C-alpha atoms as a PDB file:
ATOM      1  CA  UNK A   1      -8.268   4.663  -0.915  1.00  0.00           C
ATOM      2  CA  UNK A   2      -7.622   2.364  -3.831  1.00  0.00           C
ATOM      3  CA  UNK A   3      -6.891   5.084  -6.383  1.00  0.00           C
ATOM      4  CA  UNK A   4      -4.265   6.551  -4.074  1.00  0.00           C
ATOM      5  CA  UNK A   5      -2.661   3.131  -3.631  1.00  0.00           C
ATOM      6  CA  UNK A   6      -2.558   2.673  -7.391  1.00  0.00           C
ATOM      7  CA  UNK A   7      -0.972   6.112  -7.857  1.00  0.00           C
ATOM      8  CA  UNK A   8       1.629   5.410  -5.158  1.00  0.00           C
ATOM      9  CA  UNK A   9       2.507   2.081  -6.776  1.00  0.00           C
ATOM     10  CA  UNK A  10       2.866   3.676 -10.214  1.00  0.00           C
ATOM     11  CA  UNK A  11       5.092   6.456  -8.836  1.00  0.00           C
ATOM     12  CA  UNK A  12       7.217   3.938  -6.923  1.00  0.00           C
ATOM     13  CA  UNK A  13       7.731   1.679  -9.932  1.00  0.00           C
ATOM     14  CA  UNK A  14       8.358   4.606 -12.271  1.00  0.00           C
ATOM     15  CA  UNK A  15      11.074   6.113 -10.090  1.00  0.00           C
ATOM     16  CA  UNK A  16      12.754   2.737  -9.599  1.00  0.00           C
ATOM     17  CA  UNK A  17      12.680   2.035 -13.339  1.00  0.00           C
ATOM     18  CA  UNK A  18      14.027   5.463 -14.313  1.00  0.00           C
ATOM     19  CA  UNK A  19      16.782   5.356 -11.703  1.00  0.00           C
ATOM     20  CA  UNK A  20      17.763   1.836 -12.808  1.00  0.00           C
ATOM     21  CA  UNK A  21      18.048   2.911 -16.457  1.00  0.00           C
ATOM     22  CA  UNK A  22      19.972   6.074 -15.599  1.00  0.00           C
ATOM     23  CA  UNK A  23      22.210   4.161 -13.195  1.00  0.00           C
ATOM     24  CA  UNK A  24      22.929   1.466 -15.749  1.00  0.00           C
ATOM     25  CA  UNK A  25      23.769   3.952 -18.489  1.00  0.00           C
ATOM     26  CA  UNK A  26      25.971   6.090 -16.200  1.00  0.00           C
ATOM     27  CA  UNK A  27      27.694   3.025 -14.762  1.00  0.00           C
ATOM     28  CA  UNK A  28      28.309   1.645 -18.254  1.00  0.00           C
ATOM     29  CA  UNK A  29      29.791   4.926 -19.486  1.00  0.00           C
ATOM     30  CA  UNK A  30      32.065   5.361 -16.441  1.00  0.00           C
ATOM     31  CA  UNK A  31      32.717   1.594 -16.190  1.00  0.00           C
ATOM     32  CA  UNK A  32      31.918   1.733 -12.476  1.00  0.00           C
ATOM     33  CA  UNK A  33      29.274  -0.664 -11.190  1.00  0.00           C
ATOM     34  CA  UNK A  34      29.277   1.154  -7.845  1.00  0.00           C
ATOM     35  CA  UNK A  35      27.710   4.256  -9.409  1.00  0.00           C
ATOM     36  CA  UNK A  36      24.908   2.105 -10.791  1.00  0.00           C
ATOM     37  CA  UNK A  37      24.179   0.779  -7.310  1.00  0.00           C
ATOM     38  CA  UNK A  38      24.332   4.259  -5.749  1.00  0.00           C
ATOM     39  CA  UNK A  39      21.940   5.740  -8.306  1.00  0.00           C
ATOM     40  CA  UNK A  40      19.451   2.877  -7.897  1.00  0.00           C
ATOM     41  CA  UNK A  41      19.653   3.205  -4.103  1.00  0.00           C
ATOM     42  CA  UNK A  42      19.044   6.959  -4.372  1.00  0.00           C
ATOM     43  CA  UNK A  43      16.010   6.269  -6.587  1.00  0.00           C
ATOM     44  CA  UNK A  44      14.723   3.767  -4.055  1.00  0.00           C
ATOM     45  CA  UNK A  45      15.141   6.269  -1.206  1.00  0.00           C
ATOM     46  CA  UNK A  46      13.378   8.986  -3.222  1.00  0.00           C
ATOM     47  CA  UNK A  47      10.501   6.676  -4.130  1.00  0.00           C
ATOM     48  CA  UNK A  48      10.104   5.624  -0.481  1.00  0.00           C
ATOM     49  CA  UNK A  49      10.049   9.263   0.586  1.00  0.00           C
ATOM     50  CA  UNK A  50       7.343  10.060  -1.979  1.00  0.00           C
ATOM     51  CA  UNK A  51       5.115   7.008  -1.514  1.00  0.00           C
ATOM     52  CA  UNK A  52       5.321   5.729   2.075  1.00  0.00           C
ATOM     53  CA  UNK A  53       3.991   8.719   4.050  1.00  0.00           C
ATOM     54  CA  UNK A  54       0.217   9.321   3.746  1.00  0.00           C
ATOM     55  CA  UNK A  55       0.492  12.441   1.576  1.00  0.00           C
ATOM     56  CA  UNK A  56      -2.788  14.269   0.781  1.00  0.00           C
ATOM     57  CA  UNK A  57      -2.497  13.406  -2.921  1.00  0.00           C
ATOM     58  CA  UNK A  58      -3.072   9.737  -1.998  1.00  0.00           C
ATOM     59  CA  UNK A  59      -6.165  10.463   0.134  1.00  0.00           C
ATOM     60  CA  UNK A  60      -8.399  12.245  -2.370  1.00  0.00           C
ATOM     61  CA  UNK A  61     -10.978   9.440  -2.659  1.00  0.00           C
ATOM     62  CA  UNK A  62     -11.742   8.144   0.840  1.00  0.00           C
ATOM     63  CA  UNK A  63     -13.683   4.925   1.258  1.00  0.00           C
ATOM     64  CA  UNK A  64     -17.227   5.092   2.578  1.00  0.00           C
ATOM     65  CA  UNK A  65     -17.531   2.866   5.640  1.00  0.00           C
ATOM     66  CA  UNK A  66     -20.695   1.397   7.085  1.00  0.00           C
ATOM     67  CA  UNK A  67     -22.176   3.284  10.031  1.00  0.00           C
ATOM     68  CA  UNK A  68     -21.401   1.997  13.518  1.00  0.00           C
ATOM     69  CA  UNK A  69     -24.101  -0.255  14.950  1.00  0.00           C
ATOM     70  CA  UNK A  70     -25.170  -0.067  18.562  1.00  0.00           C
ATOM     71  CA  UNK A  71     -23.752  -2.799  20.777  1.00  0.00           C
ATOM     72  CA  UNK A  72     -27.201  -3.559  22.261  1.00  0.00           C
ATOM     73  CA  UNK A  73     -28.445  -5.042  18.980  1.00  0.00           C
ATOM     74  CA  UNK A  74     -25.849  -7.832  19.080  1.00  0.00           C
ATOM     75  CA  UNK A  75     -26.793  -8.834  22.624  1.00  0.00           C
ATOM     76  CA  UNK A  76     -30.457  -8.812  21.662  1.00  0.00           C
ATOM     77  CA  UNK A  77     -29.869 -11.081  18.660  1.00  0.00           C
ATOM     78  CA  UNK A  78     -27.873 -13.645  20.639  1.00  0.00           C
ATOM     79  CA  UNK A  79     -30.516 -13.714  23.407  1.00  0.00           C
ATOM     80  CA  UNK A  80     -33.330 -14.331  20.892  1.00  0.00           C
ATOM     81  CA  UNK A  81     -31.642 -17.366  19.375  1.00  0.00           C
ATOM     82  CA  UNK A  82     -32.801 -20.794  20.397  1.00  0.00           C
ATOM     83  CA  UNK A  83     -30.146 -23.230  21.578  1.00  0.00           C
ATOM     84  CA  UNK A  84     -29.251 -25.807  18.971  1.00  0.00           C
ATOM     85  CA  UNK A  85     -30.061 -29.429  19.581  1.00  0.00           C
ATOM     86  CA  UNK A  86     -27.407 -31.955  18.848  1.00  0.00           C
ATOM     87  CA  UNK A  87     -28.463 -35.214  17.271  1.00  0.00           C
ATOM     88  CA  UNK A  88     -27.690 -38.281  19.360  1.00  0.00           C
ATOM     89  CA  UNK A  89     -25.613 -40.923  17.666  1.00  0.00           C
END
């Protein structure tokens, strides 16, 4: 559903943003760029774990699909059509 997709996107972006800020601040304080990268990668892994699987919180508003039509109606429609005439040049 679209609301679930929007929620997943917001959670994903929020976790990435928070981990990037925390990683930058921690890396700046310790003067180690590696810690910044590790923290951002951990945030990315956490956000993937929370948003990629189809958790029930993302499936609360299912889409309503059209009912299935019988296959005999398509064959009937194509048989009722008249063949098209092509204009001669």
